[in-house]
Structure formats: C-alpha cells, structure tokens
N, C-alpha and C. Protein backbone atom coordinates (compact mmCIF):
# COMPACT_ATOMS: atom_id res chain seq x y z
N CYS A 1 -13.13 -0.49 -11.03
CA CYS A 1 -14.32 -1.76 -11.93
C CYS A 1 -14.29 -1.22 -12.51
N PHE A 2 -13.11 -0.11 -13.46
CA PHE A 2 -13.54 0.01 -15.22
C PHE A 2 -12.46 -1.35 -15.80
N LEU A 3 -11.40 -1.68 -15.20
CA LEU A 3 -10.93 -2.81 -15.78
C LEU A 3 -11.30 -4.33 -15.68
N ILE A 4 -11.81 -4.26 -14.62
CA ILE A 4 -12.71 -5.93 -13.99
C ILE A 4 -13.83 -5.69 -13.44
N GLY A 5 -14.49 -5.31 -13.87
CA GLY A 5 -16.03 -4.76 -13.71
C GLY A 5 -16.32 -5.10 -12.49
N PRO A 6 -17.61 -4.53 -12.33
CA PRO A 6 -18.34 -4.00 -10.40
C PRO A 6 -18.31 -5.58 -10.03
N ALA A 7 -18.92 -6.48 -9.82
CA ALA A 7 -18.72 -7.03 -9.53
C ALA A 7 -18.15 -7.72 -8.46
N ARG A 8 -16.34 -8.41 -9.49
CA ARG A 8 -15.36 -8.80 -8.94
C ARG A 8 -14.68 -7.97 -7.99
N GLN A 9 -14.90 -6.27 -8.42
CA GLN A 9 -14.19 -4.97 -7.79
C GLN A 9 -15.05 -5.13 -6.32
N ILE A 10 -16.26 -5.16 -6.38
CA ILE A 10 -16.77 -5.48 -5.02
C ILE A 10 -16.31 -7.03 -4.22
N LYS A 11 -16.07 -7.81 -4.61
CA LYS A 11 -15.59 -8.65 -4.03
C LYS A 11 -14.51 -8.50 -3.13
N MET A 12 -13.11 -7.69 -4.29
CA MET A 12 -11.97 -8.11 -3.60
C MET A 12 -11.99 -6.81 -2.53
N MET A 13 -13.29 -5.73 -2.80
CA MET A 13 -13.02 -4.45 -1.79
C MET A 13 -13.45 -5.17 -0.46
N PHE A 14 -14.61 -6.69 -0.50
CA PHE A 14 -14.62 -7.17 0.95
C PHE A 14 -13.47 -8.24 1.34
N ASP A 15 -12.22 -8.41 0.54
CA ASP A 15 -11.08 -9.82 1.00
C ASP A 15 -11.32 -8.90 2.37
N LYS A 16 -10.42 -10.59 3.21
CA LYS A 16 -9.52 -9.56 4.70
C LYS A 16 -8.94 -8.87 4.84
N VAL A 17 -8.04 -9.06 3.61
CA VAL A 17 -6.66 -7.58 3.70
C VAL A 17 -7.57 -6.41 3.81
N ARG A 18 -8.72 -6.34 2.63
CA ARG A 18 -8.77 -4.58 2.58
C ARG A 18 -9.93 -4.52 3.21
N ILE A 19 -10.56 -5.34 3.71
CA ILE A 19 -12.26 -5.46 4.76
C ILE A 19 -12.06 -3.68 5.04
N VAL A 20 -11.21 -3.80 6.30
CA VAL A 20 -11.04 -2.33 7.41
C VAL A 20 -10.97 -1.41 6.47
N ALA A 21 -10.43 -1.24 5.38
CA ALA A 21 -10.32 0.04 4.68
C ALA A 21 -10.90 0.26 4.04
N THR A 22 -11.99 -0.56 3.47
CA THR A 22 -13.45 -0.50 3.24
C THR A 22 -14.22 -0.05 3.82
N ILE A 23 -14.45 -0.49 4.80
CA ILE A 23 -15.78 -0.22 5.90
C ILE A 23 -15.07 1.46 6.38
N VAL A 24 -13.88 1.86 6.50
CA VAL A 24 -13.38 3.41 7.07
C VAL A 24 -13.99 4.45 5.73
N TYR A 25 -13.42 3.57 4.35
CA TYR A 25 -13.74 4.72 3.60
C TYR A 25 -15.28 4.63 3.07
N LEU A 26 -15.98 3.86 2.92
CA LEU A 26 -17.09 4.02 3.16
C LEU A 26 -18.08 4.76 3.65
N ALA A 27 -17.49 4.52 5.46
CA ALA A 27 -18.36 5.87 6.66
C ALA A 27 -17.97 6.70 6.89
N ALA A 28 -16.43 7.32 6.10
CA ALA A 28 -16.11 8.84 5.83
C ALA A 28 -16.49 9.26 5.03
N LEU A 29 -17.14 8.45 3.93
CA LEU A 29 -17.59 8.96 2.75
C LEU A 29 -19.46 9.06 3.29
N VAL A 30 -19.91 8.66 4.01
CA VAL A 30 -20.89 8.54 4.78
C VAL A 30 -21.17 10.21 5.38
N ALA A 31 -20.51 10.19 6.67
CA ALA A 31 -19.84 10.93 7.44
C ALA A 31 -19.27 12.59 6.87
N THR A 32 -18.87 12.29 5.86
CA THR A 32 -18.60 13.32 4.82
C THR A 32 -19.86 14.61 4.46
N LEU A 33 -20.59 13.50 3.84
CA LEU A 33 -21.72 13.83 2.92
C LEU A 33 -23.03 14.91 4.62
N ILE A 34 -22.67 13.68 5.30
CA ILE A 34 -23.73 14.49 6.73
C ILE A 34 -23.31 15.76 7.41
N VAL A 35 -22.32 15.78 7.64
CA VAL A 35 -21.45 17.16 8.14
C VAL A 35 -21.12 18.22 7.13
N ALA A 36 -21.56 17.63 5.96
CA ALA A 36 -21.42 18.64 4.75
C ALA A 36 -22.60 19.16 4.64
N PHE A 37 -23.58 18.48 4.57
CA PHE A 37 -24.99 19.12 4.54
C PHE A 37 -25.36 20.18 5.68
N LYS A 38 -24.53 19.90 7.27
CA LYS A 38 -24.91 20.39 7.89
C LYS A 38 -24.00 21.63 8.20
N HIS A 39 -23.07 21.95 7.67
CA HIS A 39 -22.37 23.44 7.51
C HIS A 39 -21.05 22.94 8.39
N MET A 40 -20.73 21.98 8.77
CA MET A 40 -20.08 21.85 9.44
C MET A 40 -18.48 21.54 8.87
N LEU A 41 -17.82 22.95 8.53
CA LEU A 41 -16.67 23.77 7.29
C LEU A 41 -15.28 21.90 8.38
N ALA A 42 -15.37 22.75 9.05
CA ALA A 42 -14.27 21.60 9.81
C ALA A 42 -13.90 20.49 9.84
N VAL A 43 -15.30 20.22 10.08
CA VAL A 43 -15.45 18.38 10.72
C VAL A 43 -15.18 17.85 8.99
N THR A 44 -15.70 18.58 7.81
CA THR A 44 -15.53 17.84 6.60
C THR A 44 -14.76 17.92 6.35
N ILE A 45 -13.52 18.78 6.41
CA ILE A 45 -12.61 18.58 5.76
C ILE A 45 -11.51 17.99 6.18
N ILE A 46 -11.65 17.47 8.06
CA ILE A 46 -11.44 16.27 8.66
C ILE A 46 -11.94 14.64 7.94
N MET A 47 -12.74 15.02 7.74
CA MET A 47 -13.50 13.46 6.98
C MET A 47 -12.86 13.18 5.53
N VAL A 48 -12.47 14.55 4.78
CA VAL A 48 -12.28 14.48 3.80
C VAL A 48 -10.21 13.68 3.58
N VAL A 49 -9.96 14.17 4.77
CA VAL A 49 -8.62 13.72 5.16
C VAL A 49 -8.58 12.19 5.15
N VAL A 50 -9.41 11.86 6.36
CA VAL A 50 -9.68 10.53 6.45
C VAL A 50 -10.12 9.83 5.16
N GLN A 51 -10.99 10.33 4.91
CA GLN A 51 -11.11 9.30 3.07
C GLN A 51 -10.02 9.27 2.61
N PHE A 52 -9.69 10.03 1.81
CA PHE A 52 -8.18 9.90 1.38
C PHE A 52 -7.17 9.05 2.04
N LEU A 53 -6.72 9.26 3.58
CA LEU A 53 -5.73 7.93 3.72
C LEU A 53 -6.26 6.65 3.91
N ALA A 54 -8.01 6.48 4.15
CA ALA A 54 -8.25 5.05 4.44
C ALA A 54 -8.27 4.73 2.76
N LEU A 55 -8.44 5.38 1.40
CA LEU A 55 -8.47 4.82 -0.45
C LEU A 55 -6.83 4.44 -0.11
N THR A 56 -6.30 5.55 -0.10
CA THR A 56 -4.76 5.34 0.01
C THR A 56 -4.04 4.23 0.50
N TRP A 57 -4.83 3.51 1.95
CA TRP A 57 -4.17 2.22 2.43
C TRP A 57 -4.67 1.35 1.55
N TYR A 58 -6.16 1.74 1.06
CA TYR A 58 -6.95 0.90 0.41
C TYR A 58 -5.93 0.13 -0.93
N SER A 59 -5.82 1.56 -1.86
CA SER A 59 -4.87 1.20 -2.92
C SER A 59 -3.73 0.31 -2.06
N LEU A 60 -2.79 0.42 -1.61
CA LEU A 60 -1.33 -0.47 -1.34
C LEU A 60 -1.53 -1.63 -1.24
N SER A 61 -2.74 -1.58 -0.62
CA SER A 61 -3.01 -3.45 -0.26
C SER A 61 -3.24 -4.37 -1.97
N TYR A 62 -2.86 -3.56 -2.73
CA TYR A 62 -2.59 -4.19 -4.26
C TYR A 62 -1.36 -4.22 -4.52
N ILE A 63 -0.30 -3.64 -3.95
CA ILE A 63 1.10 -3.33 -4.09
C ILE A 63 1.46 -4.65 -2.83
N PRO A 64 2.13 -5.45 -3.87
CA PRO A 64 2.91 -6.55 -2.83
C PRO A 64 4.51 -5.67 -1.77
N PHE A 65 3.83 -5.62 -0.66
CA PHE A 65 4.87 -5.43 0.80
C PHE A 65 4.65 -3.35 0.87
N ALA A 66 3.68 -3.00 0.13
CA ALA A 66 3.57 -1.71 0.27
C ALA A 66 2.73 -1.03 1.47
N ARG A 67 1.98 -1.30 1.90
CA ARG A 67 1.64 -1.78 3.27
C ARG A 67 2.91 -1.58 4.26
N ALA A 68 3.63 -3.24 3.94
CA ALA A 68 4.58 -3.18 5.15
C ALA A 68 5.58 -2.18 5.44
N PHE A 69 6.08 -1.48 3.97
CA PHE A 69 6.72 -0.64 3.21
C PHE A 69 6.17 0.71 4.49
N VAL A 70 5.14 1.14 4.37
CA VAL A 70 4.59 2.45 4.93
C VAL A 70 4.73 2.43 6.31
N LYS A 71 4.59 1.21 6.85
CA LYS A 71 3.86 0.71 8.27
C LYS A 71 5.75 0.77 8.68
N ARG A 72 6.99 0.43 8.26
CA ARG A 72 7.94 0.26 8.91
C ARG A 72 8.47 1.93 8.57
N THR A 73 8.01 2.16 7.63
CA THR A 73 8.67 4.42 7.00
C THR A 73 7.90 4.69 8.28
N ALA A 74 6.74 4.69 8.71
CA ALA A 74 6.02 5.66 9.61
C ALA A 74 6.96 5.17 10.88
N MET A 75 7.02 4.25 11.74
CA MET A 75 7.66 3.79 12.52
C MET A 75 9.06 4.23 12.61
N ALA A 76 9.74 4.48 11.47
CA ALA A 76 10.79 4.98 11.41
C ALA A 76 10.90 7.10 11.70
N MET A 77 9.86 7.24 11.29
CA MET A 77 9.45 8.30 11.19
C MET A 77 9.45 9.12 12.99
N VAL A 78 9.08 7.89 13.73
CA VAL A 78 8.44 8.27 15.26
C VAL A 78 9.54 8.28 15.94
C-alpha cells in the first residue's frame, strides 16, 4: 500500500488470483476481533493463526511460482 497507493492495492487484493486469500484474511480479522472481545482466548489464537496463514498465502501470490512450490512441498511432506 505504501509503494503503490491504497487504490491500486485494493484493486490488486481483489484480483482473481488473490480474492480467496483476501476474503479469508478479512473474515479472520473480523472473527478475531469478535472472539477477542468475548474473551475466548483459545479461539482468538486459532483465528490469529488463520490470519497469518491467509496473509502468507496472499503474499506468496506476488512471487512467481511461489504458491506452486509451497503446494508441492506440502504435498511431499504428507
């Protein structure tokens, strides 16, 4: 957002490549706030982890072939 401006960043967030990660991140952000205000510590921690994973997946979309590499690596570990 700092380098390209907020309008372009929002437009890029809703590209077809990033839309799922964006929606999951925003939903997890809202859910984290809700459960945190209800003092549900375990669920809050889970939602923070979901936020981190969604933001990581979103960030990987900017690196060519990064998502494919992560998918292959994860499948190889299973």
